Protein backbone atom coordinates (compact mmCIF):
# COMPACT_ATOMS: atom_id res chain seq x y z
CA MET A 1 -17.53 -22.43 5.03
CA ASP A 2 -21.30 -21.84 4.76
CA GLN A 3 -21.59 -18.18 3.84
CA SER A 4 -25.23 -18.07 5.02
CA LYS A 5 -24.07 -19.03 8.51
CA LEU A 6 -21.48 -16.27 8.42
CA TYR A 7 -24.11 -13.76 7.37
CA LYS A 8 -26.44 -14.88 10.17
CA ALA A 9 -23.61 -14.65 12.68
CA PHE A 10 -22.85 -11.08 11.67
CA GLU A 11 -26.51 -10.14 11.73
CA ARG A 12 -26.91 -11.68 15.19
CA ASN A 13 -23.87 -9.77 16.42
CA LYS A 14 -25.12 -6.49 14.95
CA THR A 15 -28.61 -6.99 16.42
CA GLN A 16 -27.18 -7.62 19.88
CA ARG A 17 -25.00 -4.53 19.69
CA SER A 18 -27.90 -2.46 18.40
CA LEU A 19 -30.00 -3.44 21.44
CA GLU A 20 -27.14 -2.64 23.81
CA THR A 21 -26.60 0.76 22.19
CA LYS A 22 -30.31 1.57 22.38
CA ALA A 23 -30.41 0.70 26.06
CA GLU A 24 -27.42 2.91 26.78
CA THR A 25 -28.71 5.92 24.86
CA GLN A 26 -32.08 5.79 26.63
CA THR A 27 -30.29 6.87 29.82
CA SER A 28 -28.83 9.95 28.15
CA MET A 29 -30.36 12.97 26.43
CA VAL A 30 -27.45 13.15 23.96
CA LYS A 31 -26.69 10.43 21.42
CA THR A 32 -23.10 10.35 20.23
CA LYS A 33 -21.50 8.48 17.33
CA PRO A 34 -18.33 6.43 17.69
CA LYS A 35 -15.26 8.48 16.86
CA THR A 36 -13.42 7.76 13.64
CA GLY A 37 -9.68 7.14 13.53
CA THR A 38 -9.16 10.72 12.35
CA GLN A 39 -11.17 12.13 15.26
CA VAL A 40 -9.25 10.00 17.77
CA LEU A 41 -5.93 11.27 16.41
CA ASN A 42 -7.15 14.85 16.58
CA ASP A 43 -8.00 14.32 20.25
CA LEU A 44 -4.67 12.65 21.02
CA LEU A 45 -2.45 15.34 19.54
CA PRO A 46 -2.31 19.02 20.59
CA SER A 47 -3.23 21.70 18.08
CA ASP A 48 0.39 22.79 17.57
CA THR A 49 1.19 19.29 16.24
CA LEU A 50 -1.51 19.26 13.58
CA LEU A 51 -0.22 19.51 10.03
CA THR A 52 -1.57 21.18 6.94
CA ARG A 53 -2.17 19.23 3.77
CA GLU A 54 0.85 19.77 1.53
CA GLY A 55 1.28 16.83 -0.81
CA SER A 56 -0.35 15.76 -4.04
CA VAL A 57 -0.83 12.57 -6.01
CA LYS A 58 1.59 14.09 -8.54
CA ASP A 59 4.39 13.61 -6.01
CA ILE A 60 4.07 9.81 -6.03
CA ARG A 61 6.94 8.29 -8.03
CA ASN A 62 7.16 4.83 -9.59
CA PRO A 63 10.68 4.35 -11.00
CA ASN A 64 10.50 0.57 -11.47
CA PRO A 65 6.98 -0.45 -12.59
CA LEU A 66 5.81 -4.04 -12.18
CA SER A 67 4.68 -5.79 -15.36
CA ALA A 68 1.19 -7.22 -15.71
CA SER A 69 2.66 -10.73 -15.80
CA VAL A 70 4.43 -10.21 -12.46
CA MET A 71 1.29 -8.77 -10.88
CA LYS A 72 -0.72 -11.72 -12.13
CA LYS A 73 1.83 -14.15 -10.69
CA ASN A 74 1.65 -12.37 -7.34
CA LYS A 75 -2.18 -12.43 -7.39
CA LEU A 76 -2.40 -8.64 -7.54
CA VAL A 77 -5.23 -6.85 -9.29
CA TYR A 78 -4.60 -4.41 -12.10
CA SER A 79 -6.56 -2.47 -14.68
CA GLY A 80 -7.23 -4.55 -17.77
CA MET A 81 -6.88 -7.96 -16.08
CA LYS A 82 -8.95 -10.74 -17.59
CA ASN A 83 -10.52 -11.88 -14.31
CA ARG A 84 -12.89 -8.95 -14.01
CA ALA A 85 -14.82 -10.58 -11.18
CA VAL A 86 -11.86 -10.32 -8.79
CA LEU A 87 -11.10 -6.74 -9.81
CA ASN A 88 -14.74 -5.73 -9.43
CA ALA A 89 -14.94 -7.40 -6.01
CA TYR A 90 -12.18 -5.09 -4.74
CA ARG A 91 -13.85 -2.13 -6.39
CA GLU A 92 -17.08 -2.99 -4.56
CA LEU A 93 -15.19 -3.24 -1.27
CA ARG A 94 -13.63 0.17 -1.94
CA ILE A 95 -17.04 1.69 -2.69
CA LYS A 96 -18.51 0.20 0.48
CA LEU A 97 -15.71 1.59 2.62
CA LEU A 98 -16.01 5.06 1.09
CA ASP A 99 -19.79 5.03 1.47
CA GLU A 100 -19.45 4.22 5.17
CA HIS A 101 -16.95 7.03 5.73
CA GLU A 102 -18.27 10.55 6.08
CA SER A 103 -15.70 12.54 4.11
CA GLY A 104 -12.09 12.88 2.98
CA ASN A 105 -9.53 10.13 2.81
CA ILE A 106 -9.76 7.00 4.93
CA ALA A 107 -7.54 4.63 6.92
CA VAL A 108 -8.55 0.97 6.80
CA LEU A 109 -7.28 -1.80 9.06
CA MET A 110 -6.76 -5.18 7.37
CA SER A 111 -6.26 -8.24 9.55
CA SER A 112 -6.89 -11.97 9.47
CA VAL A 113 -9.03 -14.37 11.48
CA ASP A 114 -6.56 -17.25 11.14
CA ALA A 115 -3.07 -17.12 12.68
CA LYS A 116 -1.69 -19.14 9.74
CA ASP A 117 -3.26 -16.87 7.15
CA SER A 118 -1.46 -13.82 5.72
CA SER A 119 -3.67 -10.95 4.62
CA ILE A 120 -0.85 -8.96 2.99
CA VAL A 121 -1.94 -9.73 -0.60
CA THR A 122 -5.50 -8.70 0.18
CA ALA A 123 -4.24 -5.54 1.87
CA MET A 124 -2.13 -4.69 -1.18
CA ASN A 125 -5.05 -5.32 -3.52
CA LEU A 126 -7.26 -3.01 -1.47
CA ALA A 127 -4.58 -0.31 -1.70
CA ILE A 128 -4.38 -0.85 -5.47
CA SER A 129 -8.16 -0.54 -5.76
CA PHE A 130 -8.02 2.91 -4.14
CA ALA A 131 -5.22 3.97 -6.50
CA LEU A 132 -7.15 2.89 -9.62
CA ASP A 133 -8.69 6.35 -9.35
CA VAL A 134 -6.09 8.48 -11.16
CA SER A 135 -6.83 11.42 -8.86
CA ALA A 136 -6.03 9.37 -5.73
CA SER A 137 -3.08 7.54 -4.19
CA ALA A 138 -2.70 4.76 -1.64
CA LEU A 139 -0.21 3.85 1.06
CA LEU A 140 0.09 0.33 2.47
CA VAL A 141 1.57 0.37 5.99
CA ASP A 142 2.71 -3.09 7.05
CA CYS A 143 2.33 -3.28 10.83
CA ASN A 144 2.88 -7.03 11.05
CA PRO A 145 6.44 -7.20 12.45
CA TYR A 146 6.36 -10.99 12.69
CA GLY A 147 6.98 -11.61 9.02
CA THR A 148 5.02 -11.04 5.81
CA ASP A 149 5.70 -11.41 2.11
CA LEU A 150 5.50 -7.71 1.30
CA GLN A 151 8.98 -7.74 -0.28
CA LYS A 152 7.75 -10.30 -2.83
CA LEU A 153 4.96 -7.97 -3.93
CA VAL A 154 6.97 -4.82 -4.68
CA SER A 155 9.83 -3.83 -6.96
CA ALA A 156 11.78 -1.68 -4.48
CA LYS A 157 14.23 -3.19 -2.01
CA LEU A 158 12.69 -2.75 1.45
CA GLU A 159 14.97 -1.89 4.35
CA ALA A 160 14.05 0.35 7.30
CA GLY A 161 10.39 0.25 8.28
CA ILE A 162 7.84 1.51 10.75
CA THR A 163 9.25 -0.20 13.86
CA ASP A 164 12.70 1.19 13.05
CA TYR A 165 11.26 4.68 12.65
CA VAL A 166 9.41 4.55 15.97
CA LEU A 167 12.54 3.50 17.88
CA ASP A 168 15.05 5.73 16.09
CA ARG A 169 14.04 9.33 15.49
CA GLU A 170 17.14 9.87 13.35
CA ILE A 171 15.37 7.86 10.64
CA GLY A 172 13.31 10.24 8.52
CA LEU A 173 9.85 9.52 7.18
CA GLU A 174 11.22 9.68 3.64
CA ASN A 175 13.52 6.76 4.55
CA ILE A 176 10.67 4.31 5.22
CA ILE A 177 8.28 5.07 2.33
CA TYR A 178 9.03 3.07 -0.83
CA PRO A 179 7.54 3.00 -4.33
CA SER A 180 5.76 -0.31 -4.87
CA GLY A 181 6.14 -0.62 -8.62
CA ILE A 182 2.42 0.08 -8.99
CA ASP A 183 1.16 3.49 -10.09
CA ARG A 184 0.19 5.76 -7.17
CA VAL A 185 0.80 3.04 -4.55
CA SER A 186 3.55 3.38 -1.93
CA VAL A 187 4.44 1.07 0.96
CA ILE A 188 5.96 1.23 4.42
CA PRO A 189 7.43 -2.12 5.56
CA ALA A 190 7.21 -3.41 9.12
CA GLY A 191 10.90 -3.01 9.84
CA HIS A 192 13.29 -5.06 11.94
CA ASN A 193 12.20 -4.52 15.55
CA PRO A 194 9.30 -6.84 16.42
CA LEU A 195 9.96 -6.77 20.19
CA SER A 196 7.43 -4.73 22.18
CA ALA A 197 5.49 -3.93 19.02
CA VAL A 198 2.33 -3.26 21.04
CA GLU A 199 4.11 -0.56 23.01
CA GLN A 200 5.65 0.88 19.85
CA PHE A 201 2.26 1.11 18.13
CA SER A 202 0.77 2.77 21.24
CA SER A 203 3.52 5.38 21.45
CA ARG A 204 3.27 9.12 20.87
CA THR A 205 5.68 8.76 17.93
CA MET A 206 3.31 6.31 16.27
CA GLN A 207 0.36 8.63 16.85
CA GLU A 208 2.18 11.52 15.23
CA LEU A 209 3.32 9.36 12.32
CA ILE A 210 -0.16 8.10 11.45
CA TYR A 211 -1.57 11.59 11.73
CA GLU A 212 1.04 12.93 9.36
CA LEU A 213 0.48 10.10 6.89
CA LYS A 214 -3.26 10.75 6.87
CA ASN A 215 -3.08 14.52 6.63
CA ARG A 216 -0.19 15.37 4.34
CA TYR A 217 -2.05 14.09 1.25
CA SER A 218 -5.76 14.81 0.98
CA ASP A 219 -6.01 12.29 -1.87
CA ARG A 220 -4.15 9.48 -0.05
CA PHE A 221 -5.94 6.40 1.23
CA ILE A 222 -4.17 4.30 3.84
CA VAL A 223 -4.35 0.54 4.40
CA ILE A 224 -2.81 -0.66 7.66
CA HIS A 225 -1.92 -4.35 7.62
CA ALA A 226 -2.01 -5.88 11.11
CA PRO A 227 -1.12 -9.33 12.52
CA PRO A 228 -3.96 -11.85 12.96
CA VAL A 229 -6.47 -10.58 15.53
CA LEU A 230 -6.69 -13.54 17.90
CA SER A 231 -3.00 -14.40 18.06
CA SER A 232 -1.72 -10.92 18.94
CA SER A 233 -2.72 -7.59 20.47
CA GLU A 234 -1.40 -5.31 17.73
CA ALA A 235 -4.57 -5.28 15.64
CA ARG A 236 -6.65 -4.07 18.56
CA VAL A 237 -4.14 -1.31 19.31
CA LEU A 238 -4.05 -0.18 15.67
CA THR A 239 -7.84 0.12 15.36
CA LYS A 240 -7.74 3.51 17.13
CA TYR A 241 -5.92 4.97 14.12
CA CYS A 242 -8.36 3.54 11.56
CA ASP A 243 -11.79 4.56 10.34
CA ARG A 244 -12.90 1.08 9.21
CA SER A 245 -11.71 -2.54 9.58
CA VAL A 246 -11.80 -5.50 7.19
CA LEU A 247 -11.11 -9.15 8.08
CA THR A 248 -9.71 -11.83 5.80
CA VAL A 249 -11.06 -15.34 6.28
CA PRO A 250 -9.38 -18.49 4.92
CA TYR A 251 -12.15 -20.18 3.00
CA GLY A 252 -13.41 -23.32 4.73
CA ARG A 253 -10.93 -23.15 7.64
CA ALA A 254 -12.28 -20.54 10.06
CA ALA A 255 -14.95 -21.33 12.63
CA ILE A 256 -17.90 -19.00 13.09
CA ASP A 257 -16.94 -18.51 16.74
CA ALA A 258 -13.46 -17.32 15.70
CA ILE A 259 -14.94 -14.82 13.26
CA GLU A 260 -17.33 -13.49 15.88
CA ASP A 261 -14.49 -13.18 18.40
CA CYS A 262 -12.48 -11.13 15.88
CA VAL A 263 -15.41 -8.85 15.16
CA GLU A 264 -15.91 -8.38 18.90
CA ALA A 265 -12.21 -7.61 19.44
CA LEU A 266 -12.10 -4.97 16.69
CA GLY A 267 -15.52 -3.51 17.46
CA ALA A 268 -18.51 -4.61 15.40
CA ALA A 269 -19.47 -1.02 14.60
CA ASN A 270 -16.17 -0.51 12.74
CA VAL A 271 -15.96 -3.82 10.85
CA SER A 272 -17.10 -3.33 7.26
CA GLY A 273 -17.01 -7.01 6.32
CA VAL A 274 -14.86 -10.00 5.46
CA VAL A 275 -12.89 -11.11 2.42
CA TYR A 276 -12.61 -14.85 1.74
CA GLN A 277 -9.18 -16.13 0.70
CA GLN A 278 -8.49 -19.41 -1.02
């Protein structure tokens, strides 16, 4: 794909939205900024539900670490890897996301343009890039209930996941968070109940869960992995919990129109950029 065309498409989209926003604000004396995922959650939940920050990066355990050779085989980034360009690319993405966020930790939505493309490896690598900071931790929440390869990327055996938790309140939060095998990175799998996932992700239980995940650890960064944007509705539902969004694009296979449609669906103001996958 011609990257210059992609850049022009994004610029055209941003320009159009900028003109629309300017026209709208001219009719009002007050100019407001779009709410972040954290602000939306604060509005959704009553004050007696809000939690205090209790956890610390020191609580994150890693009983079965992955070796560098296994991480390399799985195309995961790690400190000391020879391909510094790939590692630095994720570091740059992390820096960009943090620069665009006002303060505190951040929740990032990761989804794909192409229905045949899985963004789970990219989502995991973004989580790892946050956890490279020894004073921070990361949590990858897999919200693609239609099948991903998350199990292949971690050392723990994954069982109950987020869709199980939402449907069965007897399942505790501690029963769906697993060590990944990577220092300071934990994961929540999608679970075994893909039916009515849109309704599950829109539920009050889901709202409370995401709020707790974001607020229990002040040093925790969250990456929410969603199904492809154009082939499902889940990604659009999940954006309300996230501060920023990132799209993965299969190199040479995605049309500009498809990319623009995805940006439009997620909200151009919240899309930080795209990551090409080969």
